[in-house]
């Protein structure tokens, strides 16, 4: 996954963001026009999903979004101690 290789993501996608000169810590995405704080979380929105819910057809590009889906839609809480290969 590209997101496990920060150096690769940076070198490939660093030019996709413009820093906001008036607000430090904000970045403007040239792909979609959004202003974001976390470039690397945002860039995942531009990739097809890799994390599939095994209970329905939902697919997410980030595992934290899948965990939120499992908790809010299916009432399943995934913690670092109860992680199950069946869901994440």
PDB file of N, CA and C in Angstrom:
ATOM      1  N   UNK A   1       0.842  -1.187   0.000  1.00  0.00           N
ATOM      2  CA  UNK A   1       0.000   0.000   0.000  1.00  0.00           C
ATOM      3  C   UNK A   1       0.884   1.246   0.000  1.00  0.00           C
ATOM      4  N   UNK A   2       0.506   2.217  -0.750  1.00  0.00           N
ATOM      5  CA  UNK A   2       1.268   3.459  -0.807  1.00  0.00           C
ATOM      6  C   UNK A   2       1.342   4.147   0.541  1.00  0.00           C
ATOM      7  N   UNK A   3       0.325   3.981   1.375  1.00  0.00           N
ATOM      8  CA  UNK A   3       0.264   4.714   2.626  1.00  0.00           C
ATOM      9  C   UNK A   3       1.186   4.132   3.688  1.00  0.00           C
ATOM     10  N   UNK A   4       1.724   2.965   3.441  1.00  0.00           N
ATOM     11  CA  UNK A   4       2.688   2.394   4.366  1.00  0.00           C
ATOM     12  C   UNK A   4       4.101   2.824   3.998  1.00  0.00           C
ATOM     13  N   UNK A   5       4.234   3.555   2.913  1.00  0.00           N
ATOM     14  CA  UNK A   5       5.532   4.001   2.439  1.00  0.00           C
ATOM     15  C   UNK A   5       5.539   5.526   2.347  1.00  0.00           C
ATOM     16  N   UNK A   6       5.646   6.224   3.475  1.00  0.00           N
ATOM     17  CA  UNK A   6       5.533   7.682   3.472  1.00  0.00           C
ATOM     18  C   UNK A   6       6.487   8.383   2.515  1.00  0.00           C
ATOM     19  N   UNK A   7       7.697   7.903   2.373  1.00  0.00           N
ATOM     20  CA  UNK A   7       8.631   8.526   1.456  1.00  0.00           C
ATOM     21  C   UNK A   7       8.130   8.487   0.022  1.00  0.00           C
ATOM     22  N   UNK A   8       7.545   7.386  -0.360  1.00  0.00           N
ATOM     23  CA  UNK A   8       7.013   7.243  -1.711  1.00  0.00           C
ATOM     24  C   UNK A   8       5.813   8.162  -1.917  1.00  0.00           C
ATOM     25  N   UNK A   9       4.953   8.236  -0.931  1.00  0.00           N
ATOM     26  CA  UNK A   9       3.795   9.121  -1.038  1.00  0.00           C
ATOM     27  C   UNK A   9       4.263  10.561  -1.154  1.00  0.00           C
ATOM     28  N   UNK A  10       5.200  10.964  -0.312  1.00  0.00           N
ATOM     29  CA  UNK A  10       5.695  12.341  -0.335  1.00  0.00           C
ATOM     30  C   UNK A  10       6.298  12.689  -1.689  1.00  0.00           C
ATOM     31  N   UNK A  11       7.165  11.826  -2.189  1.00  0.00           N
ATOM     32  CA  UNK A  11       7.851  12.158  -3.431  1.00  0.00           C
ATOM     33  C   UNK A  11       6.891  12.179  -4.611  1.00  0.00           C
ATOM     34  N   UNK A  12       5.837  11.392  -4.562  1.00  0.00           N
ATOM     35  CA  UNK A  12       4.893  11.324  -5.658  1.00  0.00           C
ATOM     36  C   UNK A  12       3.819  12.398  -5.569  1.00  0.00           C
ATOM     37  N   UNK A  13       3.378  12.733  -4.357  1.00  0.00           N
ATOM     38  CA  UNK A  13       2.214  13.601  -4.211  1.00  0.00           C
ATOM     39  C   UNK A  13       2.477  14.934  -3.526  1.00  0.00           C
ATOM     40  N   UNK A  14       3.708  15.211  -3.172  1.00  0.00           N
ATOM     41  CA  UNK A  14       4.011  16.462  -2.488  1.00  0.00           C
ATOM     42  C   UNK A  14       3.615  17.673  -3.333  1.00  0.00           C
ATOM     43  N   UNK A  15       3.754  17.566  -4.641  1.00  0.00           N
ATOM     44  CA  UNK A  15       3.414  18.683  -5.525  1.00  0.00           C
ATOM     45  C   UNK A  15       1.912  18.863  -5.720  1.00  0.00           C
ATOM     46  N   UNK A  16       1.093  18.020  -5.113  1.00  0.00           N
ATOM     47  CA  UNK A  16      -0.362  18.125  -5.236  1.00  0.00           C
ATOM     48  C   UNK A  16      -0.959  19.059  -4.189  1.00  0.00           C
ATOM     49  N   UNK A  17      -0.125  19.665  -3.350  1.00  0.00           N
ATOM     50  CA  UNK A  17      -0.602  20.555  -2.297  1.00  0.00           C
ATOM     51  C   UNK A  17       0.128  21.884  -2.352  1.00  0.00           C
ATOM     52  N   UNK A  18      -0.617  22.950  -2.092  1.00  0.00           N
ATOM     53  CA  UNK A  18      -0.055  24.289  -1.988  1.00  0.00           C
ATOM     54  C   UNK A  18      -0.240  24.726  -0.541  1.00  0.00           C
ATOM     55  N   UNK A  19       0.810  25.216   0.081  1.00  0.00           N
ATOM     56  CA  UNK A  19       0.677  25.678   1.465  1.00  0.00           C
ATOM     57  C   UNK A  19      -0.075  27.002   1.488  1.00  0.00           C
ATOM     58  N   UNK A  20      -0.843  27.194   2.538  1.00  0.00           N
ATOM     59  CA  UNK A  20      -1.601  28.427   2.725  1.00  0.00           C
ATOM     60  C   UNK A  20      -0.692  29.435   3.416  1.00  0.00           C
ATOM     61  N   UNK A  21      -0.312  30.519   2.744  1.00  0.00           N
ATOM     62  CA  UNK A  21       0.635  31.470   3.343  1.00  0.00           C
ATOM     63  C   UNK A  21       0.070  32.229   4.541  1.00  0.00           C
ATOM     64  N   UNK A  22      -1.250  32.295   4.650  1.00  0.00           N
ATOM     65  CA  UNK A  22      -1.880  33.049   5.733  1.00  0.00           C
ATOM     66  C   UNK A  22      -2.240  32.179   6.933  1.00  0.00           C
ATOM     67  N   UNK A  23      -2.326  30.880   6.722  1.00  0.00           N
ATOM     68  CA  UNK A  23      -2.694  29.970   7.802  1.00  0.00           C
ATOM     69  C   UNK A  23      -1.720  28.800   7.828  1.00  0.00           C
ATOM     70  N   UNK A  24      -0.680  28.874   8.661  1.00  0.00           N
ATOM     71  CA  UNK A  24       0.280  27.770   8.751  1.00  0.00           C
ATOM     72  C   UNK A  24      -0.415  26.464   9.142  1.00  0.00           C
ATOM     73  N   UNK A  25       0.006  25.384   8.520  1.00  0.00           N
ATOM     74  CA  UNK A  25      -0.558  24.074   8.839  1.00  0.00           C
ATOM     75  C   UNK A  25      -1.730  23.681   7.960  1.00  0.00           C
ATOM     76  N   UNK A  26      -2.164  24.566   7.060  1.00  0.00           N
ATOM     77  CA  UNK A  26      -3.231  24.223   6.123  1.00  0.00           C
ATOM     78  C   UNK A  26      -2.638  24.068   4.727  1.00  0.00           C
ATOM     79  N   UNK A  27      -3.196  23.122   3.977  1.00  0.00           N
ATOM     80  CA  UNK A  27      -2.701  22.825   2.642  1.00  0.00           C
ATOM     81  C   UNK A  27      -3.872  22.787   1.671  1.00  0.00           C
ATOM     82  N   UNK A  28      -3.673  23.321   0.485  1.00  0.00           N
ATOM     83  CA  UNK A  28      -4.700  23.346  -0.546  1.00  0.00           C
ATOM     84  C   UNK A  28      -4.403  22.221  -1.543  1.00  0.00           C
ATOM     85  N   UNK A  29      -5.354  21.310  -1.725  1.00  0.00           N
ATOM     86  CA  UNK A  29      -5.193  20.191  -2.661  1.00  0.00           C
ATOM     87  C   UNK A  29      -5.489  20.685  -4.076  1.00  0.00           C
ATOM     88  N   UNK A  30      -4.522  20.542  -4.977  1.00  0.00           N
ATOM     89  CA  UNK A  30      -4.729  20.989  -6.353  1.00  0.00           C
ATOM     90  C   UNK A  30      -5.580  20.001  -7.156  1.00  0.00           C
ATOM     91  N   UNK A  31      -5.798  18.804  -6.628  1.00  0.00           N
ATOM     92  CA  UNK A  31      -6.616  17.817  -7.327  1.00  0.00           C
ATOM     93  C   UNK A  31      -8.108  18.083  -7.176  1.00  0.00           C
ATOM     94  N   UNK A  32      -8.528  18.545  -5.983  1.00  0.00           N
ATOM     95  CA  UNK A  32      -9.962  18.723  -5.746  1.00  0.00           C
ATOM     96  C   UNK A  32     -10.329  20.092  -5.187  1.00  0.00           C
ATOM     97  N   UNK A  33      -9.343  20.884  -4.797  1.00  0.00           N
ATOM     98  CA  UNK A  33      -9.628  22.219  -4.302  1.00  0.00           C
ATOM     99  C   UNK A  33      -9.883  22.330  -2.811  1.00  0.00           C
ATOM    100  N   UNK A  34      -9.891  21.216  -2.093  1.00  0.00           N
ATOM    101  CA  UNK A  34     -10.140  21.263  -0.651  1.00  0.00           C
ATOM    102  C   UNK A  34      -8.920  21.787   0.095  1.00  0.00           C
ATOM    103  N   UNK A  35      -9.179  22.437   1.231  1.00  0.00           N
ATOM    104  CA  UNK A  35      -8.119  22.861   2.131  1.00  0.00           C
ATOM    105  C   UNK A  35      -8.133  21.916   3.319  1.00  0.00           C
ATOM    106  N   UNK A  36      -6.978  21.335   3.628  1.00  0.00           N
ATOM    107  CA  UNK A  36      -6.900  20.292   4.655  1.00  0.00           C
ATOM    108  C   UNK A  36      -5.723  20.533   5.585  1.00  0.00           C
ATOM    109  N   UNK A  37      -5.777  19.905   6.761  1.00  0.00           N
ATOM    110  CA  UNK A  37      -4.660  19.957   7.707  1.00  0.00           C
ATOM    111  C   UNK A  37      -3.691  18.793   7.490  1.00  0.00           C
ATOM    112  N   UNK A  38      -4.226  17.615   7.208  1.00  0.00           N
ATOM    113  CA  UNK A  38      -3.394  16.426   7.063  1.00  0.00           C
ATOM    114  C   UNK A  38      -3.353  16.008   5.594  1.00  0.00           C
ATOM    115  N   UNK A  39      -2.269  16.345   4.916  1.00  0.00           N
ATOM    116  CA  UNK A  39      -2.140  16.039   3.486  1.00  0.00           C
ATOM    117  C   UNK A  39      -2.209  14.546   3.211  1.00  0.00           C
ATOM    118  N   UNK A  40      -1.566  13.766   4.056  1.00  0.00           N
ATOM    119  CA  UNK A  40      -1.422  12.335   3.762  1.00  0.00           C
ATOM    120  C   UNK A  40      -2.719  11.586   4.012  1.00  0.00           C
ATOM    121  N   UNK A  41      -3.526  12.023   4.958  1.00  0.00           N
ATOM    122  CA  UNK A  41      -4.855  11.427   5.101  1.00  0.00           C
ATOM    123  C   UNK A  41      -5.722  11.829   3.916  1.00  0.00           C
ATOM    124  N   UNK A  42      -5.635  13.092   3.515  1.00  0.00           N
ATOM    125  CA  UNK A  42      -6.482  13.567   2.424  1.00  0.00           C
ATOM    126  C   UNK A  42      -6.142  12.900   1.095  1.00  0.00           C
ATOM    127  N   UNK A  43      -4.891  12.687   0.798  1.00  0.00           N
ATOM    128  CA  UNK A  43      -4.515  12.140  -0.511  1.00  0.00           C
ATOM    129  C   UNK A  43      -5.122  10.754  -0.719  1.00  0.00           C
ATOM    130  N   UNK A  44      -5.415  10.044   0.376  1.00  0.00           N
ATOM    131  CA  UNK A  44      -6.045   8.723   0.245  1.00  0.00           C
ATOM    132  C   UNK A  44      -7.433   8.819  -0.369  1.00  0.00           C
ATOM    133  N   UNK A  45      -8.070   9.990  -0.298  1.00  0.00           N
ATOM    134  CA  UNK A  45      -9.390  10.164  -0.909  1.00  0.00           C
ATOM    135  C   UNK A  45      -9.319  10.059  -2.433  1.00  0.00           C
ATOM    136  N   UNK A  46      -8.153  10.220  -2.991  1.00  0.00           N
ATOM    137  CA  UNK A  46      -7.987  10.185  -4.439  1.00  0.00           C
ATOM    138  C   UNK A  46      -7.580   8.808  -4.962  1.00  0.00           C
ATOM    139  N   UNK A  47      -7.595   7.800  -4.090  1.00  0.00           N
ATOM    140  CA  UNK A  47      -7.263   6.434  -4.477  1.00  0.00           C
ATOM    141  C   UNK A  47      -8.477   5.538  -4.298  1.00  0.00           C
ATOM    142  N   UNK A  48      -8.590   4.490  -5.086  1.00  0.00           N
ATOM    143  CA  UNK A  48      -9.686   3.544  -4.858  1.00  0.00           C
ATOM    144  C   UNK A  48      -9.513   2.850  -3.515  1.00  0.00           C
ATOM    145  N   UNK A  49     -10.616   2.432  -2.929  1.00  0.00           N
ATOM    146  CA  UNK A  49     -10.587   1.796  -1.620  1.00  0.00           C
ATOM    147  C   UNK A  49      -9.871   0.466  -1.609  1.00  0.00           C
ATOM    148  N   UNK A  50      -9.202   0.189  -0.499  1.00  0.00           N
ATOM    149  CA  UNK A  50      -8.504  -1.077  -0.316  1.00  0.00           C
ATOM    150  C   UNK A  50      -9.072  -1.859   0.857  1.00  0.00           C
ATOM    151  N   UNK A  51      -9.763  -1.175   1.758  1.00  0.00           N
ATOM    152  CA  UNK A  51     -10.253  -1.800   2.987  1.00  0.00           C
ATOM    153  C   UNK A  51     -11.745  -2.068   2.850  1.00  0.00           C
ATOM    154  N   UNK A  52     -12.094  -3.338   2.676  1.00  0.00           N
ATOM    155  CA  UNK A  52     -13.473  -3.726   2.400  1.00  0.00           C
ATOM    156  C   UNK A  52     -14.153  -4.251   3.656  1.00  0.00           C
ATOM    157  N   UNK A  53     -15.399  -3.827   3.846  1.00  0.00           N
ATOM    158  CA  UNK A  53     -16.211  -4.365   4.935  1.00  0.00           C
ATOM    159  C   UNK A  53     -16.677  -5.753   4.521  1.00  0.00           C
ATOM    160  N   UNK A  54     -16.507  -6.711   5.401  1.00  0.00           N
ATOM    161  CA  UNK A  54     -16.913  -8.086   5.084  1.00  0.00           C
ATOM    162  C   UNK A  54     -18.380  -8.351   5.397  1.00  0.00           C
ATOM    163  N   UNK A  55     -19.073  -7.325   5.916  1.00  0.00           N
ATOM    164  CA  UNK A  55     -20.482  -7.481   6.255  1.00  0.00           C
ATOM    165  C   UNK A  55     -21.411  -6.817   5.246  1.00  0.00           C
ATOM    166  N   UNK A  56     -20.869  -5.930   4.420  1.00  0.00           N
ATOM    167  CA  UNK A  56     -21.668  -5.249   3.399  1.00  0.00           C
ATOM    168  C   UNK A  56     -20.739  -4.871   2.247  1.00  0.00           C
ATOM    169  N   UNK A  57     -21.171  -4.005   1.382  1.00  0.00           N
ATOM    170  CA  UNK A  57     -20.379  -3.667   0.197  1.00  0.00           C
ATOM    171  C   UNK A  57     -19.509  -2.418   0.365  1.00  0.00           C
ATOM    172  N   UNK A  58     -19.424  -1.861   1.555  1.00  0.00           N
ATOM    173  CA  UNK A  58     -18.647  -0.639   1.784  1.00  0.00           C
ATOM    174  C   UNK A  58     -17.154  -0.888   1.580  1.00  0.00           C
ATOM    175  N   UNK A  59     -16.476   0.090   0.988  1.00  0.00           N
ATOM    176  CA  UNK A  59     -15.036   0.026   0.741  1.00  0.00           C
ATOM    177  C   UNK A  59     -14.442   1.384   1.097  1.00  0.00           C
ATOM    178  N   UNK A  60     -13.300   1.359   1.789  1.00  0.00           N
ATOM    179  CA  UNK A  60     -12.659   2.594   2.237  1.00  0.00           C
ATOM    180  C   UNK A  60     -11.188   2.599   1.859  1.00  0.00           C
ATOM    181  N   UNK A  61     -10.641   3.790   1.674  1.00  0.00           N
ATOM    182  CA  UNK A  61      -9.225   3.912   1.342  1.00  0.00           C
ATOM    183  C   UNK A  61      -8.355   3.937   2.591  1.00  0.00           C
ATOM    184  N   UNK A  62      -8.979   4.145   3.769  1.00  0.00           N
ATOM    185  CA  UNK A  62      -8.228   4.183   5.029  1.00  0.00           C
ATOM    186  C   UNK A  62      -8.864   3.232   6.031  1.00  0.00           C
ATOM    187  N   UNK A  63      -8.028   2.524   6.792  1.00  0.00           N
ATOM    188  CA  UNK A  63      -8.518   1.551   7.759  1.00  0.00           C
ATOM    189  C   UNK A  63      -9.283   2.230   8.893  1.00  0.00           C
ATOM    190  N   UNK A  64      -8.913   3.459   9.266  1.00  0.00           N
ATOM    191  CA  UNK A  64      -9.654   4.137  10.331  1.00  0.00           C
ATOM    192  C   UNK A  64     -11.078   4.441   9.896  1.00  0.00           C
ATOM    193  N   UNK A  65     -11.297   4.691   8.616  1.00  0.00           N
ATOM    194  CA  UNK A  65     -12.654   4.921   8.108  1.00  0.00           C
ATOM    195  C   UNK A  65     -13.461   3.622   8.139  1.00  0.00           C
ATOM    196  N   UNK A  66     -12.813   2.487   7.842  1.00  0.00           N
ATOM    197  CA  UNK A  66     -13.489   1.193   7.937  1.00  0.00           C
ATOM    198  C   UNK A  66     -13.879   0.906   9.377  1.00  0.00           C
ATOM    199  N   UNK A  67     -12.987   1.191  10.331  1.00  0.00           N
ATOM    200  CA  UNK A  67     -13.301   0.967  11.746  1.00  0.00           C
ATOM    201  C   UNK A  67     -14.478   1.821  12.194  1.00  0.00           C
ATOM    202  N   UNK A  68     -14.532   3.069  11.735  1.00  0.00           N
ATOM    203  CA  UNK A  68     -15.666   3.935  12.063  1.00  0.00           C
ATOM    204  C   UNK A  68     -16.948   3.358  11.481  1.00  0.00           C
ATOM    205  N   UNK A  69     -16.887   2.878  10.256  1.00  0.00           N
ATOM    206  CA  UNK A  69     -18.036   2.246   9.610  1.00  0.00           C
ATOM    207  C   UNK A  69     -18.513   1.034  10.412  1.00  0.00           C
ATOM    208  N   UNK A  70     -17.591   0.166  10.801  1.00  0.00           N
ATOM    209  CA  UNK A  70     -17.956  -1.026  11.571  1.00  0.00           C
ATOM    210  C   UNK A  70     -18.632  -0.650  12.883  1.00  0.00           C
ATOM    211  N   UNK A  71     -18.111   0.398  13.531  1.00  0.00           N
ATOM    212  CA  UNK A  71     -18.668   0.831  14.814  1.00  0.00           C
ATOM    213  C   UNK A  71     -20.048   1.468  14.639  1.00  0.00           C
ATOM    214  N   UNK A  72     -20.212   2.343  13.660  1.00  0.00           N
ATOM    215  CA  UNK A  72     -21.459   3.097  13.536  1.00  0.00           C
ATOM    216  C   UNK A  72     -22.556   2.358  12.778  1.00  0.00           C
ATOM    217  N   UNK A  73     -22.188   1.544  11.809  1.00  0.00           N
ATOM    218  CA  UNK A  73     -23.188   0.849  10.999  1.00  0.00           C
ATOM    219  C   UNK A  73     -23.493  -0.548  11.532  1.00  0.00           C
ATOM    220  N   UNK A  74     -22.460  -1.284  11.932  1.00  0.00           N
ATOM    221  CA  UNK A  74     -22.641  -2.675  12.345  1.00  0.00           C
ATOM    222  C   UNK A  74     -22.501  -2.881  13.850  1.00  0.00           C
ATOM    223  N   UNK A  75     -22.258  -1.813  14.600  1.00  0.00           N
ATOM    224  CA  UNK A  75     -22.123  -1.868  16.062  1.00  0.00           C
ATOM    225  C   UNK A  75     -21.007  -2.822  16.503  1.00  0.00           C
ATOM    226  N   UNK A  76     -19.887  -2.787  15.788  1.00  0.00           N
ATOM    227  CA  UNK A  76     -18.724  -3.617  16.111  1.00  0.00           C
ATOM    228  C   UNK A  76     -17.574  -2.690  16.461  1.00  0.00           C
ATOM    229  N   UNK A  77     -17.018  -2.849  17.640  1.00  0.00           N
ATOM    230  CA  UNK A  77     -15.899  -2.022  18.090  1.00  0.00           C
ATOM    231  C   UNK A  77     -14.607  -2.801  17.894  1.00  0.00           C
ATOM    232  N   UNK A  78     -13.689  -2.249  17.138  1.00  0.00           N
ATOM    233  CA  UNK A  78     -12.392  -2.874  16.901  1.00  0.00           C
ATOM    234  C   UNK A  78     -11.359  -2.077  17.692  1.00  0.00           C
ATOM    235  N   UNK A  79     -10.672  -2.734  18.604  1.00  0.00           N
ATOM    236  CA  UNK A  79      -9.617  -2.075  19.370  1.00  0.00           C
ATOM    237  C   UNK A  79      -8.297  -2.761  19.055  1.00  0.00           C
ATOM    238  N   UNK A  80      -7.212  -2.188  19.551  1.00  0.00           N
ATOM    239  CA  UNK A  80      -5.916  -2.813  19.282  1.00  0.00           C
ATOM    240  C   UNK A  80      -5.797  -4.168  19.965  1.00  0.00           C
ATOM    241  N   UNK A  81      -6.616  -4.417  20.988  1.00  0.00           N
ATOM    242  CA  UNK A  81      -6.566  -5.699  21.692  1.00  0.00           C
ATOM    243  C   UNK A  81      -7.564  -6.708  21.142  1.00  0.00           C
ATOM    244  N   UNK A  82      -8.603  -6.229  20.469  1.00  0.00           N
ATOM    245  CA  UNK A  82      -9.626  -7.150  19.974  1.00  0.00           C
ATOM    246  C   UNK A  82      -9.643  -7.222  18.454  1.00  0.00           C
ATOM    247  N   UNK A  83      -8.572  -6.816  17.819  1.00  0.00           N
ATOM    248  CA  UNK A  83      -8.515  -6.809  16.361  1.00  0.00           C
ATOM    249  C   UNK A  83      -8.756  -8.217  15.834  1.00  0.00           C
ATOM    250  N   UNK A  84      -9.619  -8.310  14.860  1.00  0.00           N
ATOM    251  CA  UNK A  84      -9.958  -9.600  14.288  1.00  0.00           C
ATOM    252  C   UNK A  84      -9.657  -9.599  12.797  1.00  0.00           C
ATOM    253  N   UNK A  85      -8.998 -10.621  12.292  1.00  0.00           N
ATOM    254  CA  UNK A  85      -8.726 -10.685  10.856  1.00  0.00           C
ATOM    255  C   UNK A  85     -10.007 -10.802  10.035  1.00  0.00           C
ATOM    256  N   UNK A  86     -11.119 -11.105  10.691  1.00  0.00           N
ATOM    257  CA  UNK A  86     -12.377 -11.236   9.975  1.00  0.00           C
ATOM    258  C   UNK A  86     -12.951  -9.886   9.576  1.00  0.00           C
ATOM    259  N   UNK A  87     -12.558  -8.830  10.272  1.00  0.00           N
ATOM    260  CA  UNK A  87     -13.144  -7.523  10.003  1.00  0.00           C
ATOM    261  C   UNK A  87     -12.153  -6.505   9.502  1.00  0.00           C
ATOM    262  N   UNK A  88     -10.915  -6.541   9.938  1.00  0.00           N
ATOM    263  CA  UNK A  88      -9.937  -5.524   9.543  1.00  0.00           C
ATOM    264  C   UNK A  88      -8.744  -6.204   8.897  1.00  0.00           C
TER     265      UNK A  88
END
